[in-house]
Every structure is written in C-alpha cells, then in structure tokens.
Amino acid sequence: MPELFAYTDGACSGNPGPGGWGALLIAREGDTVVKERPLSGGEAHTTNNRMELLGAINALESLSKPSAITIVTDSAYVKGGITEWIAGWKRRGWKTSTNKPVKNEDLWRRLEAAAARHTVTWEWVKGHAGHPENERADELARQGMAPFKA
C-alpha cells in the first residue's frame, strides 16, 4: 500500500494582495514515487495565511476516499493552528486567548472538516530551504497566483 503525502504552500504578492495556493500530492512505495498530482489555484485579493490554509484544504478535499496522509507544510500557522490552537479556539467560541475573533475562522472550520475524513499526520518543513517537494509546492502556489497579478 503506497504512503500518501501532500506538500502544500501559499503565496501572496502583497499581504493582502493577489495570492495562490499549491499542493503536490505524492504516493510513494518506499523511495519510489508511484503517482503525483499537482493542484493549484488562487484569488485576486487575499492573504498569505489564507493561501497556506487553502493549500492544505484543497489537498485533503481532493481525496476521493478516507486516507492516511502526511501533510507537509512550511507554515507554522497552519501546523500550529490545526494541531494545537484549534481546540482552545473552539472552546472559547472561536476567540483567541486574548478574546479576539479567530482570523480565517471559515477556513479553519473547513480544514478541520476536511481533516476529519482522514488520518492526518502534520509535518512542518523550513520553507525556501531547498526541500524539493516544498519548492515544487511553492512553484504551484506562484502559478495559482499568476492569473491574478496585474
């Protein structure tokens, strides 16, 4: 049974500004890649954090059946939010520890719902550090942004 990975990224030109998200889904058997599927998209006016979230969301939502998957992101915001902070936000009625509304609540809810269908392992990798799949996800995010840049 192949192992499934999704390398996700977001990009924004200006923050806010035109943005894009990318996800590279890879099925591996040992060190051998058996299947790859690139995904990307973007919006005319958004933020980097929203694009980071949409990379992970779209990777999970693209899976046709419940799967075990490792999401690899260079966003400490995405990894920290989904693995550590979300329980407190929900307990406090989607408020931060300083009683402010959680930014991007709509996407956090969507990410949580998408992740609930699967067995997800979350990994963080340093961005722009020569990690080949992360660099490809960044390329996909920039491609997703391209149609919205002036």
N, C-alpha and C. Protein backbone atom coordinates (compact mmCIF):
# COMPACT_ATOMS: atom_id res chain seq x y z
N MET A 1 0.85 -1.19 0.00
CA MET A 1 0.00 0.00 0.00
C MET A 1 0.89 1.24 0.00
N PRO A 2 0.74 2.12 -0.99
CA PRO A 2 1.58 3.32 -1.04
C PRO A 2 1.30 4.27 0.13
N GLU A 3 2.33 5.00 0.53
CA GLU A 3 2.17 6.06 1.51
C GLU A 3 1.81 7.33 0.77
N LEU A 4 0.91 8.13 1.35
CA LEU A 4 0.43 9.34 0.70
C LEU A 4 0.93 10.57 1.43
N PHE A 5 1.46 11.52 0.65
CA PHE A 5 1.97 12.78 1.16
C PHE A 5 1.35 13.92 0.37
N ALA A 6 1.16 15.07 1.03
CA ALA A 6 0.78 16.30 0.33
C ALA A 6 1.71 17.40 0.82
N TYR A 7 2.41 18.00 -0.09
CA TYR A 7 3.29 19.13 0.19
C TYR A 7 2.52 20.37 -0.21
N THR A 8 2.28 21.26 0.75
CA THR A 8 1.39 22.39 0.50
C THR A 8 2.09 23.71 0.75
N ASP A 9 1.63 24.75 0.05
CA ASP A 9 2.22 26.07 0.22
C ASP A 9 1.22 27.13 -0.22
N GLY A 10 1.49 28.35 0.22
CA GLY A 10 0.71 29.51 -0.19
C GLY A 10 1.65 30.64 -0.54
N ALA A 11 1.18 31.54 -1.38
CA ALA A 11 1.99 32.69 -1.80
C ALA A 11 1.07 33.90 -1.95
N CYS A 12 1.63 35.06 -1.71
CA CYS A 12 0.85 36.28 -1.84
C CYS A 12 1.79 37.39 -2.32
N SER A 13 1.29 38.22 -3.23
CA SER A 13 2.06 39.37 -3.71
C SER A 13 1.44 40.60 -3.06
N GLY A 14 2.08 41.03 -1.97
CA GLY A 14 1.43 41.99 -1.08
C GLY A 14 0.63 41.15 -0.10
N ASN A 15 0.38 41.68 1.06
CA ASN A 15 -0.34 40.89 2.07
C ASN A 15 -1.26 41.82 2.84
N PRO A 16 -2.49 42.09 2.34
CA PRO A 16 -3.19 41.34 1.29
C PRO A 16 -2.81 41.77 -0.13
N GLY A 17 -3.22 40.90 -1.04
CA GLY A 17 -2.98 41.12 -2.46
C GLY A 17 -3.37 39.87 -3.22
N PRO A 18 -2.98 39.78 -4.49
CA PRO A 18 -3.24 38.56 -5.24
C PRO A 18 -2.45 37.41 -4.61
N GLY A 19 -3.08 36.23 -4.55
CA GLY A 19 -2.42 35.10 -3.92
C GLY A 19 -2.71 33.80 -4.61
N GLY A 20 -1.92 32.80 -4.26
CA GLY A 20 -2.10 31.47 -4.82
C GLY A 20 -1.76 30.40 -3.79
N TRP A 21 -2.32 29.23 -4.00
CA TRP A 21 -2.02 28.07 -3.18
C TRP A 21 -1.58 26.93 -4.08
N GLY A 22 -0.78 26.04 -3.51
CA GLY A 22 -0.32 24.88 -4.26
C GLY A 22 -0.27 23.67 -3.37
N ALA A 23 -0.51 22.51 -3.97
CA ALA A 23 -0.39 21.24 -3.26
C ALA A 23 0.14 20.20 -4.23
N LEU A 24 1.14 19.48 -3.79
CA LEU A 24 1.70 18.39 -4.58
C LEU A 24 1.42 17.10 -3.84
N LEU A 25 0.49 16.30 -4.37
CA LEU A 25 0.17 15.01 -3.77
C LEU A 25 1.08 13.96 -4.38
N ILE A 26 1.69 13.16 -3.51
CA ILE A 26 2.62 12.13 -3.95
C ILE A 26 2.30 10.83 -3.22
N ALA A 27 2.16 9.74 -4.00
CA ALA A 27 2.04 8.40 -3.43
C ALA A 27 3.40 7.72 -3.63
N ARG A 28 3.92 7.18 -2.52
CA ARG A 28 5.25 6.53 -2.56
C ARG A 28 5.15 5.10 -2.04
N GLU A 29 5.92 4.25 -2.68
CA GLU A 29 6.18 2.90 -2.15
C GLU A 29 7.67 2.87 -1.86
N GLY A 30 8.02 2.95 -0.57
CA GLY A 30 9.43 3.10 -0.19
C GLY A 30 9.93 4.43 -0.71
N ASP A 31 11.02 4.41 -1.46
CA ASP A 31 11.57 5.64 -2.02
C ASP A 31 11.06 5.91 -3.44
N THR A 32 10.18 5.04 -3.94
CA THR A 32 9.70 5.16 -5.32
C THR A 32 8.38 5.91 -5.37
N VAL A 33 8.34 6.96 -6.18
CA VAL A 33 7.10 7.71 -6.41
C VAL A 33 6.26 6.91 -7.42
N VAL A 34 5.04 6.53 -7.01
CA VAL A 34 4.18 5.79 -7.91
C VAL A 34 3.12 6.67 -8.58
N LYS A 35 2.83 7.82 -7.95
CA LYS A 35 1.86 8.74 -8.56
C LYS A 35 2.06 10.13 -7.98
N GLU A 36 1.89 11.13 -8.84
CA GLU A 36 1.95 12.54 -8.43
C GLU A 36 0.74 13.26 -8.99
N ARG A 37 0.22 14.20 -8.19
CA ARG A 37 -0.88 15.03 -8.68
C ARG A 37 -0.66 16.46 -8.17
N PRO A 38 -0.36 17.40 -9.08
CA PRO A 38 -0.24 18.80 -8.67
C PRO A 38 -1.60 19.49 -8.67
N LEU A 39 -1.81 20.36 -7.68
CA LEU A 39 -3.04 21.15 -7.59
C LEU A 39 -2.64 22.60 -7.34
N SER A 40 -3.39 23.54 -7.89
CA SER A 40 -3.13 24.94 -7.58
C SER A 40 -4.36 25.78 -7.88
N GLY A 41 -4.37 26.96 -7.30
CA GLY A 41 -5.45 27.90 -7.51
C GLY A 41 -5.07 29.22 -6.87
N GLY A 42 -5.95 30.19 -6.97
CA GLY A 42 -5.63 31.49 -6.39
C GLY A 42 -6.84 32.39 -6.29
N GLU A 43 -6.59 33.57 -5.76
CA GLU A 43 -7.61 34.59 -5.58
C GLU A 43 -7.02 35.96 -5.85
N ALA A 44 -7.88 36.87 -6.25
CA ALA A 44 -7.43 38.22 -6.61
C ALA A 44 -7.02 39.05 -5.39
N HIS A 45 -7.69 38.86 -4.26
CA HIS A 45 -7.42 39.68 -3.08
C HIS A 45 -7.50 38.79 -1.84
N THR A 46 -6.35 38.48 -1.26
CA THR A 46 -6.31 37.52 -0.17
C THR A 46 -5.08 37.77 0.69
N THR A 47 -4.81 36.85 1.62
CA THR A 47 -3.60 36.94 2.45
C THR A 47 -2.79 35.66 2.31
N ASN A 48 -1.53 35.75 2.71
CA ASN A 48 -0.66 34.59 2.66
C ASN A 48 -1.22 33.45 3.54
N ASN A 49 -1.69 33.79 4.74
CA ASN A 49 -2.20 32.74 5.63
C ASN A 49 -3.42 32.03 5.04
N ARG A 50 -4.29 32.77 4.36
CA ARG A 50 -5.45 32.13 3.73
C ARG A 50 -4.99 31.17 2.63
N MET A 51 -3.98 31.55 1.88
CA MET A 51 -3.48 30.69 0.82
C MET A 51 -2.80 29.45 1.40
N GLU A 52 -2.06 29.61 2.50
CA GLU A 52 -1.45 28.46 3.17
C GLU A 52 -2.53 27.47 3.60
N LEU A 53 -3.60 27.98 4.19
CA LEU A 53 -4.71 27.12 4.61
C LEU A 53 -5.36 26.43 3.42
N LEU A 54 -5.58 27.17 2.33
CA LEU A 54 -6.24 26.59 1.16
C LEU A 54 -5.39 25.51 0.49
N GLY A 55 -4.08 25.61 0.59
CA GLY A 55 -3.23 24.53 0.07
C GLY A 55 -3.54 23.22 0.77
N ALA A 56 -3.58 23.25 2.10
CA ALA A 56 -3.87 22.04 2.87
C ALA A 56 -5.32 21.58 2.67
N ILE A 57 -6.25 22.53 2.67
CA ILE A 57 -7.66 22.19 2.49
C ILE A 57 -7.88 21.49 1.16
N ASN A 58 -7.36 22.08 0.09
CA ASN A 58 -7.59 21.50 -1.24
C ASN A 58 -6.92 20.15 -1.40
N ALA A 59 -5.76 19.95 -0.76
CA ALA A 59 -5.12 18.64 -0.81
C ALA A 59 -6.04 17.59 -0.19
N LEU A 60 -6.58 17.89 1.00
CA LEU A 60 -7.45 16.94 1.69
C LEU A 60 -8.77 16.75 0.96
N GLU A 61 -9.35 17.84 0.48
CA GLU A 61 -10.65 17.74 -0.21
C GLU A 61 -10.55 17.03 -1.56
N SER A 62 -9.35 16.95 -2.12
CA SER A 62 -9.18 16.30 -3.42
C SER A 62 -9.18 14.77 -3.31
N LEU A 63 -9.06 14.26 -2.10
CA LEU A 63 -9.01 12.80 -1.91
C LEU A 63 -10.42 12.23 -1.98
N SER A 64 -10.62 11.23 -2.82
CA SER A 64 -11.96 10.70 -3.06
C SER A 64 -12.43 9.75 -1.95
N LYS A 65 -11.49 9.20 -1.17
CA LYS A 65 -11.90 8.31 -0.08
C LYS A 65 -11.03 8.58 1.14
N PRO A 66 -11.53 8.21 2.33
CA PRO A 66 -10.73 8.42 3.54
C PRO A 66 -9.35 7.76 3.40
N SER A 67 -8.32 8.50 3.77
CA SER A 67 -6.95 8.06 3.55
C SER A 67 -6.07 8.42 4.73
N ALA A 68 -4.97 7.71 4.85
CA ALA A 68 -3.90 8.11 5.76
C ALA A 68 -2.96 8.97 4.93
N ILE A 69 -2.69 10.18 5.40
CA ILE A 69 -1.89 11.13 4.62
C ILE A 69 -1.02 11.96 5.55
N THR A 70 0.16 12.29 5.07
CA THR A 70 1.03 13.22 5.77
C THR A 70 1.00 14.54 5.02
N ILE A 71 0.57 15.60 5.71
CA ILE A 71 0.58 16.94 5.13
C ILE A 71 1.89 17.60 5.57
N VAL A 72 2.68 18.03 4.60
CA VAL A 72 3.95 18.70 4.87
C VAL A 72 3.78 20.16 4.46
N THR A 73 3.90 21.06 5.44
CA THR A 73 3.71 22.49 5.21
C THR A 73 4.90 23.27 5.74
N ASP A 74 5.17 24.40 5.13
CA ASP A 74 6.20 25.30 5.67
C ASP A 74 5.55 26.40 6.51
N SER A 75 4.27 26.25 6.80
CA SER A 75 3.53 27.24 7.57
C SER A 75 3.36 26.80 9.02
N ALA A 76 4.08 27.46 9.93
CA ALA A 76 3.89 27.20 11.36
C ALA A 76 2.47 27.56 11.77
N TYR A 77 1.87 28.53 11.08
CA TYR A 77 0.49 28.96 11.34
C TYR A 77 -0.48 27.79 11.09
N VAL A 78 -0.34 27.12 9.95
CA VAL A 78 -1.24 26.00 9.63
C VAL A 78 -1.01 24.84 10.60
N LYS A 79 0.24 24.44 10.76
CA LYS A 79 0.52 23.29 11.63
C LYS A 79 0.13 23.58 13.07
N GLY A 80 0.52 24.74 13.60
CA GLY A 80 0.18 25.09 14.98
C GLY A 80 -1.31 25.23 15.17
N GLY A 81 -1.98 25.85 14.21
CA GLY A 81 -3.42 26.06 14.32
C GLY A 81 -4.20 24.77 14.38
N ILE A 82 -3.89 23.84 13.48
CA ILE A 82 -4.69 22.61 13.40
C ILE A 82 -4.31 21.60 14.47
N THR A 83 -3.06 21.62 14.94
CA THR A 83 -2.64 20.61 15.92
C THR A 83 -2.68 21.11 17.36
N GLU A 84 -2.62 22.44 17.58
CA GLU A 84 -2.53 22.94 18.95
C GLU A 84 -3.62 23.94 19.31
N TRP A 85 -3.85 24.94 18.49
CA TRP A 85 -4.67 26.08 18.89
C TRP A 85 -6.16 25.89 18.70
N ILE A 86 -6.56 25.07 17.72
CA ILE A 86 -7.97 25.00 17.33
C ILE A 86 -8.87 24.54 18.48
N ALA A 87 -8.41 23.63 19.32
CA ALA A 87 -9.24 23.15 20.43
C ALA A 87 -9.60 24.31 21.36
N GLY A 88 -8.63 25.16 21.68
CA GLY A 88 -8.89 26.33 22.53
C GLY A 88 -9.80 27.34 21.86
N TRP A 89 -9.58 27.57 20.56
CA TRP A 89 -10.44 28.50 19.83
C TRP A 89 -11.89 28.04 19.91
N LYS A 90 -12.12 26.76 19.68
CA LYS A 90 -13.49 26.23 19.70
C LYS A 90 -14.08 26.33 21.11
N ARG A 91 -13.28 26.00 22.10
CA ARG A 91 -13.74 26.05 23.50
C ARG A 91 -14.15 27.48 23.88
N ARG A 92 -13.44 28.46 23.32
CA ARG A 92 -13.72 29.87 23.62
C ARG A 92 -14.70 30.48 22.62
N GLY A 93 -15.38 29.67 21.82
CA GLY A 93 -16.33 30.22 20.84
C GLY A 93 -15.64 30.93 19.70
N TRP A 94 -14.55 30.35 19.20
CA TRP A 94 -13.76 30.90 18.09
C TRP A 94 -13.18 32.27 18.44
N LYS A 95 -12.68 32.35 19.65
CA LYS A 95 -11.94 33.53 20.11
C LYS A 95 -10.51 33.10 20.45
N THR A 96 -9.57 34.02 20.27
CA THR A 96 -8.18 33.75 20.63
C THR A 96 -8.03 33.83 22.15
N SER A 97 -6.84 33.54 22.63
CA SER A 97 -6.58 33.63 24.07
C SER A 97 -6.71 35.06 24.59
N THR A 98 -6.65 36.03 23.68
CA THR A 98 -6.83 37.44 24.07
C THR A 98 -8.26 37.92 23.77
N ASN A 99 -9.16 36.96 23.55
CA ASN A 99 -10.59 37.22 23.35
C ASN A 99 -10.91 37.98 22.06
N LYS A 100 -10.04 37.86 21.06
CA LYS A 100 -10.30 38.45 19.74
C LYS A 100 -10.83 37.34 18.81
N PRO A 101 -11.63 37.72 17.82
CA PRO A 101 -12.10 36.70 16.87
C PRO A 101 -10.92 36.03 16.15
N VAL A 102 -11.03 34.73 15.95
CA VAL A 102 -10.00 33.98 15.23
C VAL A 102 -10.03 34.41 13.77
N LYS A 103 -8.87 34.81 13.26
CA LYS A 103 -8.79 35.15 11.83
C LYS A 103 -8.92 33.88 11.01
N ASN A 104 -9.59 34.00 9.88
CA ASN A 104 -9.77 32.90 8.93
C ASN A 104 -10.59 31.74 9.50
N GLU A 105 -11.52 32.07 10.41
CA GLU A 105 -12.36 31.03 11.02
C GLU A 105 -13.02 30.14 9.98
N ASP A 106 -13.49 30.74 8.88
CA ASP A 106 -14.15 29.96 7.83
C ASP A 106 -13.24 28.86 7.30
N LEU A 107 -11.98 29.21 7.08
CA LEU A 107 -11.04 28.22 6.54
C LEU A 107 -10.59 27.22 7.59
N TRP A 108 -10.46 27.65 8.85
CA TRP A 108 -10.12 26.70 9.92
C TRP A 108 -11.21 25.65 10.06
N ARG A 109 -12.47 26.09 9.99
CA ARG A 109 -13.59 25.14 10.08
C ARG A 109 -13.54 24.17 8.90
N ARG A 110 -13.27 24.70 7.72
CA ARG A 110 -13.21 23.87 6.52
C ARG A 110 -12.03 22.88 6.60
N LEU A 111 -10.88 23.34 7.10
CA LEU A 111 -9.72 22.46 7.24
C LEU A 111 -10.02 21.35 8.25
N GLU A 112 -10.63 21.72 9.37
CA GLU A 112 -10.95 20.71 10.39
C GLU A 112 -11.89 19.65 9.82
N ALA A 113 -12.91 20.09 9.09
CA ALA A 113 -13.86 19.15 8.49
C ALA A 113 -13.17 18.25 7.46
N ALA A 114 -12.31 18.83 6.63
CA ALA A 114 -11.60 18.05 5.61
C ALA A 114 -10.67 17.04 6.27
N ALA A 115 -9.98 17.45 7.33
CA ALA A 115 -9.04 16.56 8.01
C ALA A 115 -9.76 15.44 8.75
N ALA A 116 -10.98 15.70 9.22
CA ALA A 116 -11.73 14.70 9.99
C ALA A 116 -12.04 13.44 9.18
N ARG A 117 -12.09 13.56 7.88
CA ARG A 117 -12.37 12.40 7.00
C ARG A 117 -11.18 11.47 6.87
N HIS A 118 -10.00 11.93 7.29
CA HIS A 118 -8.76 11.21 7.03
C HIS A 118 -7.98 11.00 8.33
N THR A 119 -6.93 10.20 8.23
CA THR A 119 -5.96 10.07 9.31
C THR A 119 -4.77 10.92 8.87
N VAL A 120 -4.61 12.08 9.50
CA VAL A 120 -3.63 13.06 9.03
C VAL A 120 -2.48 13.19 10.02
N THR A 121 -1.28 13.14 9.48
CA THR A 121 -0.07 13.48 10.22
C THR A 121 0.40 14.81 9.68
N TRP A 122 0.68 15.76 10.57
CA TRP A 122 1.10 17.10 10.17
C TRP A 122 2.59 17.24 10.40
N GLU A 123 3.31 17.70 9.37
CA GLU A 123 4.75 17.93 9.48
C GLU A 123 5.07 19.34 9.00
N TRP A 124 6.01 19.96 9.68
CA TRP A 124 6.50 21.28 9.28
C TRP A 124 7.88 21.11 8.67
N VAL A 125 8.14 21.85 7.61
CA VAL A 125 9.46 21.89 6.98
C VAL A 125 9.81 23.35 6.75
N LYS A 126 11.08 23.68 6.90
CA LYS A 126 11.53 25.06 6.68
C LYS A 126 11.35 25.42 5.21
N GLY A 127 10.68 26.53 4.95
CA GLY A 127 10.43 26.98 3.58
C GLY A 127 11.67 27.59 2.94
N HIS A 128 11.73 27.51 1.64
CA HIS A 128 12.81 28.12 0.85
C HIS A 128 14.18 27.66 1.34
N ALA A 129 14.25 26.36 1.67
CA ALA A 129 15.49 25.81 2.20
C ALA A 129 15.98 24.64 1.34
N GLY A 130 15.50 24.59 0.09
CA GLY A 130 15.97 23.56 -0.84
C GLY A 130 15.28 22.21 -0.71
N HIS A 131 14.18 22.14 0.02
CA HIS A 131 13.40 20.89 0.11
C HIS A 131 12.66 20.73 -1.21
N PRO A 132 12.99 19.71 -2.02
CA PRO A 132 12.48 19.65 -3.40
C PRO A 132 10.96 19.70 -3.52
N GLU A 133 10.23 18.94 -2.71
CA GLU A 133 8.77 18.93 -2.84
C GLU A 133 8.17 20.23 -2.34
N ASN A 134 8.77 20.83 -1.30
CA ASN A 134 8.28 22.13 -0.82
C ASN A 134 8.52 23.20 -1.88
N GLU A 135 9.65 23.13 -2.56
CA GLU A 135 9.93 24.09 -3.64
C GLU A 135 8.92 23.93 -4.77
N ARG A 136 8.53 22.68 -5.06
CA ARG A 136 7.52 22.45 -6.12
C ARG A 136 6.16 22.97 -5.69
N ALA A 137 5.82 22.80 -4.40
CA ALA A 137 4.54 23.33 -3.90
C ALA A 137 4.55 24.86 -3.99
N ASP A 138 5.69 25.48 -3.70
CA ASP A 138 5.82 26.93 -3.82
C ASP A 138 5.63 27.36 -5.27
N GLU A 139 6.20 26.61 -6.20
CA GLU A 139 6.04 26.89 -7.63
C GLU A 139 4.55 26.81 -8.02
N LEU A 140 3.87 25.79 -7.53
CA LEU A 140 2.44 25.64 -7.82
C LEU A 140 1.64 26.81 -7.25
N ALA A 141 2.00 27.25 -6.04
CA ALA A 141 1.31 28.40 -5.44
C ALA A 141 1.53 29.66 -6.28
N ARG A 142 2.75 29.86 -6.77
CA ARG A 142 3.02 31.02 -7.61
C ARG A 142 2.28 30.91 -8.94
N GLN A 143 2.15 29.70 -9.48
CA GLN A 143 1.36 29.50 -10.70
C GLN A 143 -0.10 29.84 -10.45
N GLY A 144 -0.62 29.44 -9.27
CA GLY A 144 -2.00 29.73 -8.93
C GLY A 144 -2.27 31.22 -8.79
N MET A 145 -1.25 31.96 -8.37
CA MET A 145 -1.37 33.40 -8.18
C MET A 145 -1.26 34.15 -9.50
N ALA A 146 -0.52 33.61 -10.45
CA ALA A 146 -0.16 34.31 -11.69
C ALA A 146 -1.35 34.97 -12.41
N PRO A 147 -2.50 34.30 -12.56
CA PRO A 147 -3.60 34.94 -13.30
C PRO A 147 -4.17 36.18 -12.60
N PHE A 148 -3.87 36.36 -11.32
CA PHE A 148 -4.46 37.46 -10.55
C PHE A 148 -3.51 38.64 -10.37
N LYS A 149 -2.25 38.46 -10.79
CA LYS A 149 -1.28 39.55 -10.68
C LYS A 149 -1.46 40.53 -11.83
N ALA A 150 -1.38 41.79 -11.53
CA ALA A 150 -1.58 42.82 -12.55
C ALA A 150 -0.38 42.92 -13.48
